[in-house]
PDB file of all heavy atoms in Angstrom:
ATOM      1  N   PHE A   1       0.833  -1.200   0.000  1.00  0.00           N
ATOM      2  CA  PHE A   1       0.000   0.000   0.000  1.00  0.00           C
ATOM      3  C   PHE A   1       0.871   1.255   0.000  1.00  0.00           C
ATOM      4  O   PHE A   1       0.646   2.179  -0.807  1.00  0.00           O
ATOM      5  CB  PHE A   1      -0.908  -0.018   1.224  1.00  0.00           C
ATOM      6  CG  PHE A   1      -1.734   1.221   1.406  1.00  0.00           C
ATOM      7  CD1 PHE A   1      -2.849   1.456   0.614  1.00  0.00           C
ATOM      8  CD2 PHE A   1      -1.401   2.165   2.376  1.00  0.00           C
ATOM      9  CE1 PHE A   1      -3.618   2.596   0.781  1.00  0.00           C
ATOM     10  CE2 PHE A   1      -2.160   3.307   2.543  1.00  0.00           C
ATOM     11  CZ  PHE A   1      -3.273   3.532   1.745  1.00  0.00           C
ATOM     12  N   TYR A   2       1.864   1.302   0.878  1.00  0.00           N
ATOM     13  CA  TYR A   2       2.713   2.491   0.934  1.00  0.00           C
ATOM     14  C   TYR A   2       3.658   2.572  -0.258  1.00  0.00           C
ATOM     15  O   TYR A   2       4.059   3.674  -0.670  1.00  0.00           O
ATOM     16  CB  TYR A   2       3.469   2.536   2.258  1.00  0.00           C
ATOM     17  CG  TYR A   2       2.561   2.859   3.429  1.00  0.00           C
ATOM     18  CD1 TYR A   2       2.270   1.903   4.404  1.00  0.00           C
ATOM     19  CD2 TYR A   2       1.964   4.106   3.540  1.00  0.00           C
ATOM     20  CE1 TYR A   2       1.411   2.193   5.463  1.00  0.00           C
ATOM     21  CE2 TYR A   2       1.107   4.411   4.591  1.00  0.00           C
ATOM     22  CZ  TYR A   2       0.833   3.450   5.547  1.00  0.00           C
ATOM     23  OH  TYR A   2      -0.024   3.744   6.583  1.00  0.00           O
ATOM     24  N   LEU A   3       4.017   1.431  -0.830  1.00  0.00           N
ATOM     25  CA  LEU A   3       4.758   1.450  -2.091  1.00  0.00           C
ATOM     26  C   LEU A   3       3.924   2.130  -3.167  1.00  0.00           C
ATOM     27  O   LEU A   3       4.417   2.993  -3.905  1.00  0.00           O
ATOM     28  CB  LEU A   3       5.107   0.018  -2.515  1.00  0.00           C
ATOM     29  CG  LEU A   3       5.725  -0.126  -3.915  1.00  0.00           C
ATOM     30  CD1 LEU A   3       7.118   0.499  -3.957  1.00  0.00           C
ATOM     31  CD2 LEU A   3       5.780  -1.596  -4.339  1.00  0.00           C
ATOM     32  N   LEU A   4       2.649   1.740  -3.264  1.00  0.00           N
ATOM     33  CA  LEU A   4       1.750   2.351  -4.247  1.00  0.00           C
ATOM     34  C   LEU A   4       1.647   3.856  -4.037  1.00  0.00           C
ATOM     35  O   LEU A   4       1.809   4.646  -4.988  1.00  0.00           O
ATOM     36  CB  LEU A   4       0.368   1.705  -4.134  1.00  0.00           C
ATOM     37  CG  LEU A   4      -0.755   2.338  -4.964  1.00  0.00           C
ATOM     38  CD1 LEU A   4      -0.461   2.197  -6.449  1.00  0.00           C
ATOM     39  CD2 LEU A   4      -2.104   1.700  -4.633  1.00  0.00           C
ATOM     40  N   LEU A   5       1.415   4.284  -2.804  1.00  0.00           N
ATOM     41  CA  LEU A   5       1.289   5.716  -2.533  1.00  0.00           C
ATOM     42  C   LEU A   5       2.597   6.453  -2.817  1.00  0.00           C
ATOM     43  O   LEU A   5       2.586   7.567  -3.352  1.00  0.00           O
ATOM     44  CB  LEU A   5       0.864   5.937  -1.083  1.00  0.00           C
ATOM     45  CG  LEU A   5      -0.530   5.464  -0.674  1.00  0.00           C
ATOM     46  CD1 LEU A   5      -0.836   5.898   0.756  1.00  0.00           C
ATOM     47  CD2 LEU A   5      -1.596   5.991  -1.622  1.00  0.00           C
ATOM     48  N   GLY A   6       3.710   5.848  -2.466  1.00  0.00           N
ATOM     49  CA  GLY A   6       5.003   6.480  -2.710  1.00  0.00           C
ATOM     50  C   GLY A   6       5.275   6.655  -4.192  1.00  0.00           C
ATOM     51  O   GLY A   6       5.726   7.725  -4.636  1.00  0.00           O
ATOM     52  N   LEU A   7       5.008   5.621  -4.984  1.00  0.00           N
ATOM     53  CA  LEU A   7       5.220   5.714  -6.427  1.00  0.00           C
ATOM     54  C   LEU A   7       4.276   6.729  -7.063  1.00  0.00           C
ATOM     55  O   LEU A   7       4.668   7.463  -7.978  1.00  0.00           O
ATOM     56  CB  LEU A   7       5.032   4.342  -7.067  1.00  0.00           C
ATOM     57  CG  LEU A   7       6.108   3.299  -6.742  1.00  0.00           C
ATOM     58  CD1 LEU A   7       5.693   1.918  -7.252  1.00  0.00           C
ATOM     59  CD2 LEU A   7       7.454   3.694  -7.335  1.00  0.00           C
ATOM     60  N   LEU A   8       3.045   6.787  -6.591  1.00  0.00           N
ATOM     61  CA  LEU A   8       2.104   7.778  -7.115  1.00  0.00           C
ATOM     62  C   LEU A   8       2.566   9.196  -6.790  1.00  0.00           C
ATOM     63  O   LEU A   8       2.419  10.115  -7.619  1.00  0.00           O
ATOM     64  CB  LEU A   8       0.710   7.533  -6.537  1.00  0.00           C
ATOM     65  CG  LEU A   8      -0.033   6.297  -7.061  1.00  0.00           C
ATOM     66  CD1 LEU A   8      -1.334   6.104  -6.305  1.00  0.00           C
ATOM     67  CD2 LEU A   8      -0.305   6.412  -8.568  1.00  0.00           C
ATOM     68  N   ALA A   9       3.131   9.382  -5.600  1.00  0.00           N
ATOM     69  CA  ALA A   9       3.643  10.709  -5.235  1.00  0.00           C
ATOM     70  C   ALA A   9       4.836  11.084  -6.113  1.00  0.00           C
ATOM     71  O   ALA A   9       4.946  12.232  -6.575  1.00  0.00           O
ATOM     72  CB  ALA A   9       4.031  10.732  -3.759  1.00  0.00           C
ATOM     73  N   VAL A  10       5.737  10.137  -6.360  1.00  0.00           N
ATOM     74  CA  VAL A  10       6.881  10.408  -7.243  1.00  0.00           C
ATOM     75  C   VAL A  10       6.388  10.696  -8.662  1.00  0.00           C
ATOM     76  O   VAL A  10       6.914  11.582  -9.348  1.00  0.00           O
ATOM     77  CB  VAL A  10       7.870   9.230  -7.224  1.00  0.00           C
ATOM     78  CG1 VAL A  10       8.966   9.431  -8.272  1.00  0.00           C
ATOM     79  CG2 VAL A  10       8.505   9.083  -5.843  1.00  0.00           C
ATOM     80  N   ARG A  11       5.395   9.949  -9.092  1.00  0.00           N
ATOM     81  CA  ARG A  11       4.805  10.205 -10.419  1.00  0.00           C
ATOM     82  C   ARG A  11       4.316  11.644 -10.516  1.00  0.00           C
ATOM     83  O   ARG A  11       4.588  12.345 -11.504  1.00  0.00           O
ATOM     84  CB  ARG A  11       3.649   9.224 -10.648  1.00  0.00           C
ATOM     85  CG  ARG A  11       2.846   9.462 -11.924  1.00  0.00           C
ATOM     86  CD  ARG A  11       1.732   8.434 -12.051  1.00  0.00           C
ATOM     87  NE  ARG A  11       0.956   8.627 -13.267  1.00  0.00           N
ATOM     88  CZ  ARG A  11      -0.250   9.180 -13.335  1.00  0.00           C
ATOM     89  NH1 ARG A  11      -0.836   9.601 -12.200  1.00  0.00           N
ATOM     90  NH2 ARG A  11      -0.875   9.311 -14.477  1.00  0.00           N
ATOM     91  N   ARG A  12       3.602  12.092  -9.505  1.00  0.00           N
ATOM     92  CA  ARG A  12       3.095  13.466  -9.517  1.00  0.00           C
ATOM     93  C   ARG A  12       4.245  14.465  -9.501  1.00  0.00           C
ATOM     94  O   ARG A  12       4.207  15.491 -10.214  1.00  0.00           O
ATOM     95  CB  ARG A  12       2.193  13.672  -8.303  1.00  0.00           C
ATOM     96  CG  ARG A  12       1.618  15.075  -8.167  1.00  0.00           C
ATOM     97  CD  ARG A  12       0.632  15.392  -9.275  1.00  0.00           C
ATOM     98  NE  ARG A  12       0.100  16.734  -9.132  1.00  0.00           N
ATOM     99  CZ  ARG A  12      -0.994  17.038  -8.424  1.00  0.00           C
ATOM    100  NH1 ARG A  12      -1.662  16.082  -7.784  1.00  0.00           N
ATOM    101  NH2 ARG A  12      -1.422  18.273  -8.362  1.00  0.00           N
ATOM    102  N   LEU A  13       5.282  14.174  -8.734  1.00  0.00           N
ATOM    103  CA  LEU A  13       6.449  15.059  -8.675  1.00  0.00           C
ATOM    104  C   LEU A  13       7.091  15.220 -10.045  1.00  0.00           C
ATOM    105  O   LEU A  13       7.399  16.336 -10.481  1.00  0.00           O
ATOM    106  CB  LEU A  13       7.484  14.496  -7.697  1.00  0.00           C
ATOM    107  CG  LEU A  13       7.308  14.775  -6.211  1.00  0.00           C
ATOM    108  CD1 LEU A  13       8.331  13.975  -5.418  1.00  0.00           C
ATOM    109  CD2 LEU A  13       7.468  16.266  -5.930  1.00  0.00           C
ATOM    110  N   LEU A  14       7.316  14.088 -10.703  1.00  0.00           N
ATOM    111  CA  LEU A  14       8.000  14.138 -11.995  1.00  0.00           C
ATOM    112  C   LEU A  14       7.148  14.839 -13.036  1.00  0.00           C
ATOM    113  O   LEU A  14       7.667  15.639 -13.839  1.00  0.00           O
ATOM    114  CB  LEU A  14       8.341  12.716 -12.444  1.00  0.00           C
ATOM    115  CG  LEU A  14       9.361  11.970 -11.567  1.00  0.00           C
ATOM    116  CD1 LEU A  14       9.555  10.540 -12.065  1.00  0.00           C
ATOM    117  CD2 LEU A  14      10.699  12.697 -11.547  1.00  0.00           C
ATOM    118  N   ARG A  15       5.864  14.580 -13.044  1.00  0.00           N
ATOM    119  CA  ARG A  15       4.992  15.235 -14.012  1.00  0.00           C
ATOM    120  C   ARG A  15       4.914  16.738 -13.737  1.00  0.00           C
ATOM    121  O   ARG A  15       4.953  17.544 -14.660  1.00  0.00           O
ATOM    122  CB  ARG A  15       3.588  14.610 -13.968  1.00  0.00           C
ATOM    123  CG  ARG A  15       3.530  13.138 -14.299  1.00  0.00           C
ATOM    124  CD  ARG A  15       3.900  12.849 -15.760  1.00  0.00           C
ATOM    125  NE  ARG A  15       2.804  13.207 -16.637  1.00  0.00           N
ATOM    126  CZ  ARG A  15       2.912  14.050 -17.667  1.00  0.00           C
ATOM    127  NH1 ARG A  15       4.068  14.640 -17.922  1.00  0.00           N
ATOM    128  NH2 ARG A  15       1.887  14.313 -18.433  1.00  0.00           N
ATOM    129  N   ASP A  16       4.812  17.124 -12.462  1.00  0.00           N
ATOM    130  CA  ASP A  16       4.763  18.539 -12.111  1.00  0.00           C
ATOM    131  C   ASP A  16       6.064  19.253 -12.451  1.00  0.00           C
ATOM    132  O   ASP A  16       6.069  20.463 -12.707  1.00  0.00           O
ATOM    133  CB  ASP A  16       4.466  18.714 -10.617  1.00  0.00           C
ATOM    134  CG  ASP A  16       2.997  18.481 -10.287  1.00  0.00           C
ATOM    135  OD1 ASP A  16       2.212  18.204 -11.213  1.00  0.00           O
ATOM    136  OD2 ASP A  16       2.643  18.558  -9.094  1.00  0.00           O
ATOM    137  N   THR A  17       7.170  18.517 -12.422  1.00  0.00           N
ATOM    138  CA  THR A  17       8.470  19.114 -12.715  1.00  0.00           C
ATOM    139  C   THR A  17       8.677  19.285 -14.209  1.00  0.00           C
ATOM    140  O   THR A  17       9.603  19.972 -14.634  1.00  0.00           O
ATOM    141  CB  THR A  17       9.596  18.240 -12.109  1.00  0.00           C
ATOM    142  OG1 THR A  17       9.338  18.072 -10.710  1.00  0.00           O
ATOM    143  CG2 THR A  17      10.969  18.876 -12.258  1.00  0.00           C
ATOM    144  N   GLY A  18       7.819  18.693 -15.017  1.00  0.00           N
ATOM    145  CA  GLY A  18       7.881  18.906 -16.460  1.00  0.00           C
ATOM    146  C   GLY A  18       8.373  17.721 -17.253  1.00  0.00           C
ATOM    147  O   GLY A  18       8.540  17.828 -18.477  1.00  0.00           O
ATOM    148  N   PHE A  19       8.595  16.591 -16.610  1.00  0.00           N
ATOM    149  CA  PHE A  19       9.030  15.410 -17.342  1.00  0.00           C
ATOM    150  C   PHE A  19       7.850  14.802 -18.088  1.00  0.00           C
ATOM    151  O   PHE A  19       6.715  14.808 -17.602  1.00  0.00           O
ATOM    152  CB  PHE A  19       9.651  14.384 -16.395  1.00  0.00           C
ATOM    153  CG  PHE A  19      10.951  14.833 -15.794  1.00  0.00           C
ATOM    154  CD1 PHE A  19      11.015  15.268 -14.479  1.00  0.00           C
ATOM    155  CD2 PHE A  19      12.109  14.848 -16.558  1.00  0.00           C
ATOM    156  CE1 PHE A  19      12.207  15.689 -13.924  1.00  0.00           C
ATOM    157  CE2 PHE A  19      13.309  15.269 -16.013  1.00  0.00           C
ATOM    158  CZ  PHE A  19      13.364  15.700 -14.697  1.00  0.00           C
ATOM    159  N   SER A  20       8.127  14.255 -19.253  1.00  0.00           N
ATOM    160  CA  SER A  20       7.074  13.678 -20.077  1.00  0.00           C
ATOM    161  C   SER A  20       6.522  12.407 -19.443  1.00  0.00           C
ATOM    162  O   SER A  20       7.118  11.824 -18.528  1.00  0.00           O
ATOM    163  CB  SER A  20       7.623  13.350 -21.468  1.00  0.00           C
ATOM    164  OG  SER A  20       8.538  12.257 -21.384  1.00  0.00           O
ATOM    165  N   GLU A  21       5.391  11.984 -19.963  1.00  0.00           N
ATOM    166  CA  GLU A  21       4.762  10.755 -19.475  1.00  0.00           C
ATOM    167  C   GLU A  21       5.681   9.555 -19.682  1.00  0.00           C
ATOM    168  O   GLU A  21       5.811   8.694 -18.809  1.00  0.00           O
ATOM    169  CB  GLU A  21       3.434  10.535 -20.197  1.00  0.00           C
ATOM    170  CG  GLU A  21       2.628   9.355 -19.697  1.00  0.00           C
ATOM    171  CD  GLU A  21       2.022   9.574 -18.326  1.00  0.00           C
ATOM    172  OE1 GLU A  21       2.052  10.722 -17.837  1.00  0.00           O
ATOM    173  OE2 GLU A  21       1.514   8.590 -17.758  1.00  0.00           O
ATOM    174  N   GLY A  22       6.351   9.493 -20.821  1.00  0.00           N
ATOM    175  CA  GLY A  22       7.242   8.375 -21.103  1.00  0.00           C
ATOM    176  C   GLY A  22       8.441   8.338 -20.175  1.00  0.00           C
ATOM    177  O   GLY A  22       8.806   7.271 -19.655  1.00  0.00           O
ATOM    178  N   ILE A  23       9.081   9.494 -19.966  1.00  0.00           N
ATOM    179  CA  ILE A  23      10.234   9.559 -19.065  1.00  0.00           C
ATOM    180  C   ILE A  23       9.812   9.231 -17.644  1.00  0.00           C
ATOM    181  O   ILE A  23      10.505   8.496 -16.919  1.00  0.00           O
ATOM    182  CB  ILE A  23      10.877  10.963 -19.119  1.00  0.00           C
ATOM    183  CG1 ILE A  23      11.534  11.193 -20.487  1.00  0.00           C
ATOM    184  CG2 ILE A  23      11.898  11.131 -18.000  1.00  0.00           C
ATOM    185  CD1 ILE A  23      12.710  10.298 -20.797  1.00  0.00           C
ATOM    186  N   THR A  24       8.656   9.741 -17.225  1.00  0.00           N
ATOM    187  CA  THR A  24       8.149   9.441 -15.887  1.00  0.00           C
ATOM    188  C   THR A  24       7.897   7.956 -15.718  1.00  0.00           C
ATOM    189  O   THR A  24       8.281   7.356 -14.706  1.00  0.00           O
ATOM    190  CB  THR A  24       6.847  10.226 -15.630  1.00  0.00           C
ATOM    191  OG1 THR A  24       7.114  11.628 -15.715  1.00  0.00           O
ATOM    192  CG2 THR A  24       6.268   9.901 -14.268  1.00  0.00           C
ATOM    193  N   ALA A  25       7.260   7.341 -16.711  1.00  0.00           N
ATOM    194  CA  ALA A  25       6.964   5.912 -16.637  1.00  0.00           C
ATOM    195  C   ALA A  25       8.242   5.088 -16.553  1.00  0.00           C
ATOM    196  O   ALA A  25       8.350   4.159 -15.737  1.00  0.00           O
ATOM    197  CB  ALA A  25       6.140   5.487 -17.851  1.00  0.00           C
ATOM    198  N   LEU A  26       9.215   5.423 -17.381  1.00  0.00           N
ATOM    199  CA  LEU A  26      10.464   4.653 -17.387  1.00  0.00           C
ATOM    200  C   LEU A  26      11.222   4.823 -16.079  1.00  0.00           C
ATOM    201  O   LEU A  26      11.782   3.856 -15.535  1.00  0.00           O
ATOM    202  CB  LEU A  26      11.331   5.095 -18.573  1.00  0.00           C
ATOM    203  CG  LEU A  26      12.577   4.249 -18.856  1.00  0.00           C
ATOM    204  CD1 LEU A  26      12.209   2.782 -19.051  1.00  0.00           C
ATOM    205  CD2 LEU A  26      13.319   4.786 -20.083  1.00  0.00           C
ATOM    206  N   THR A  27      11.226   6.027 -15.540  1.00  0.00           N
ATOM    207  CA  THR A  27      11.888   6.267 -14.252  1.00  0.00           C
ATOM    208  C   THR A  27      11.260   5.422 -13.154  1.00  0.00           C
ATOM    209  O   THR A  27      11.955   4.761 -12.379  1.00  0.00           O
ATOM    210  CB  THR A  27      11.798   7.755 -13.874  1.00  0.00           C
ATOM    211  OG1 THR A  27      12.436   8.545 -14.887  1.00  0.00           O
ATOM    212  CG2 THR A  27      12.472   8.019 -12.529  1.00  0.00           C
ATOM    213  N   LEU A  28       9.940   5.436 -13.087  1.00  0.00           N
ATOM    214  CA  LEU A  28       9.232   4.670 -12.056  1.00  0.00           C
ATOM    215  C   LEU A  28       9.479   3.173 -12.208  1.00  0.00           C
ATOM    216  O   LEU A  28       9.680   2.461 -11.224  1.00  0.00           O
ATOM    217  CB  LEU A  28       7.738   4.966 -12.127  1.00  0.00           C
ATOM    218  CG  LEU A  28       7.319   6.386 -11.744  1.00  0.00           C
ATOM    219  CD1 LEU A  28       5.872   6.631 -12.131  1.00  0.00           C
ATOM    220  CD2 LEU A  28       7.513   6.628 -10.254  1.00  0.00           C
ATOM    221  N   LEU A  29       9.480   2.706 -13.442  1.00  0.00           N
ATOM    222  CA  LEU A  29       9.676   1.274 -13.684  1.00  0.00           C
ATOM    223  C   LEU A  29      11.087   0.835 -13.318  1.00  0.00           C
ATOM    224  O   LEU A  29      11.280  -0.197 -12.645  1.00  0.00           O
ATOM    225  CB  LEU A  29       9.389   0.969 -15.158  1.00  0.00           C
ATOM    226  CG  LEU A  29       9.289  -0.508 -15.524  1.00  0.00           C
ATOM    227  CD1 LEU A  29       8.111  -1.164 -14.823  1.00  0.00           C
ATOM    228  CD2 LEU A  29       9.165  -0.666 -17.040  1.00  0.00           C
ATOM    229  N   LEU A  30      12.084   1.607 -13.712  1.00  0.00           N
ATOM    230  CA  LEU A  30      13.471   1.221 -13.450  1.00  0.00           C
ATOM    231  C   LEU A  30      13.805   1.287 -11.962  1.00  0.00           C
ATOM    232  O   LEU A  30      14.514   0.413 -11.434  1.00  0.00           O
ATOM    233  CB  LEU A  30      14.425   2.102 -14.255  1.00  0.00           C
ATOM    234  CG  LEU A  30      14.342   1.937 -15.776  1.00  0.00           C
ATOM    235  CD1 LEU A  30      15.351   2.848 -16.473  1.00  0.00           C
ATOM    236  CD2 LEU A  30      14.567   0.489 -16.190  1.00  0.00           C
ATOM    237  N   ILE A  31      13.314   2.305 -11.275  1.00  0.00           N
ATOM    238  CA  ILE A  31      13.549   2.386  -9.835  1.00  0.00           C
ATOM    239  C   ILE A  31      12.712   1.327  -9.102  1.00  0.00           C
ATOM    240  O   ILE A  31      13.171   0.710  -8.142  1.00  0.00           O
ATOM    241  CB  ILE A  31      13.228   3.794  -9.311  1.00  0.00           C
ATOM    242  CG1 ILE A  31      14.278   4.802  -9.830  1.00  0.00           C
ATOM    243  CG2 ILE A  31      13.192   3.819  -7.781  1.00  0.00           C
ATOM    244  CD1 ILE A  31      14.023   6.236  -9.417  1.00  0.00           C
ATOM    245  N   GLY A  32      11.503   1.093  -9.589  1.00  0.00           N
ATOM    246  CA  GLY A  32      10.604   0.182  -8.899  1.00  0.00           C
ATOM    247  C   GLY A  32      11.012  -1.269  -8.943  1.00  0.00           C
ATOM    248  O   GLY A  32      10.870  -1.991  -7.946  1.00  0.00           O
ATOM    249  N   VAL A  33      11.519  -1.746 -10.093  1.00  0.00           N
ATOM    250  CA  VAL A  33      11.908  -3.158 -10.188  1.00  0.00           C
ATOM    251  C   VAL A  33      13.408  -3.343 -10.368  1.00  0.00           C
ATOM    252  O   VAL A  33      13.885  -4.474 -10.343  1.00  0.00           O
ATOM    253  CB  VAL A  33      11.158  -3.874 -11.343  1.00  0.00           C
ATOM    254  CG1 VAL A  33       9.673  -3.908 -11.074  1.00  0.00           C
ATOM    255  CG2 VAL A  33      11.460  -3.233 -12.691  1.00  0.00           C
ATOM    256  N   GLY A  34      14.143  -2.245 -10.505  1.00  0.00           N
ATOM    257  CA  GLY A  34      15.579  -2.352 -10.739  1.00  0.00           C
ATOM    258  C   GLY A  34      16.433  -1.975  -9.559  1.00  0.00           C
ATOM    259  O   GLY A  34      17.663  -1.928  -9.677  1.00  0.00           O
ATOM    260  N   THR A  35      15.809  -1.697  -8.404  1.00  0.00           N
ATOM    261  CA  THR A  35      16.565  -1.349  -7.197  1.00  0.00           C
ATOM    262  C   THR A  35      16.056  -2.178  -6.017  1.00  0.00           C
ATOM    263  O   THR A  35      15.044  -2.881  -6.128  1.00  0.00           O
ATOM    264  CB  THR A  35      16.409   0.143  -6.845  1.00  0.00           C
ATOM    265  OG1 THR A  35      15.080   0.365  -6.320  1.00  0.00           O
ATOM    266  CG2 THR A  35      16.635   1.042  -8.060  1.00  0.00           C
ATOM    267  N   ASN A  36      16.746  -2.053  -4.897  1.00  0.00           N
ATOM    268  CA  ASN A  36      16.320  -2.826  -3.722  1.00  0.00           C
ATOM    269  C   ASN A  36      15.046  -2.283  -3.074  1.00  0.00           C
ATOM    270  O   ASN A  36      14.579  -2.847  -2.085  1.00  0.00           O
ATOM    271  CB  ASN A  36      17.449  -2.943  -2.696  1.00  0.00           C
ATOM    272  CG  ASN A  36      18.015  -1.601  -2.270  1.00  0.00           C
ATOM    273  OD1 ASN A  36      17.792  -0.572  -2.910  1.00  0.00           O
ATOM    274  ND2 ASN A  36      18.777  -1.600  -1.192  1.00  0.00           N
ATOM    275  N   LEU A  37      14.466  -1.231  -3.625  1.00  0.00           N
ATOM    276  CA  LEU A  37      13.107  -0.857  -3.226  1.00  0.00           C
ATOM    277  C   LEU A  37      12.165  -2.045  -3.438  1.00  0.00           C
ATOM    278  O   LEU A  37      11.270  -2.294  -2.625  1.00  0.00           O
ATOM    279  CB  LEU A  37      12.626   0.345  -4.058  1.00  0.00           C
ATOM    280  CG  LEU A  37      11.160   0.768  -3.880  1.00  0.00           C
ATOM    281  CD1 LEU A  37      10.896   1.252  -2.459  1.00  0.00           C
ATOM    282  CD2 LEU A  37      10.799   1.855  -4.900  1.00  0.00           C
TER     283      LEU A  37
END
């Protein structure tokens, strides 16, 4: 549950900062399954 909320918050951060949908998606995916998170 908190993983979901955390990723959604990061998604909002990246989109608000001006990153595209594709860059945001790739960032979330790589950090989400490519790190010890």
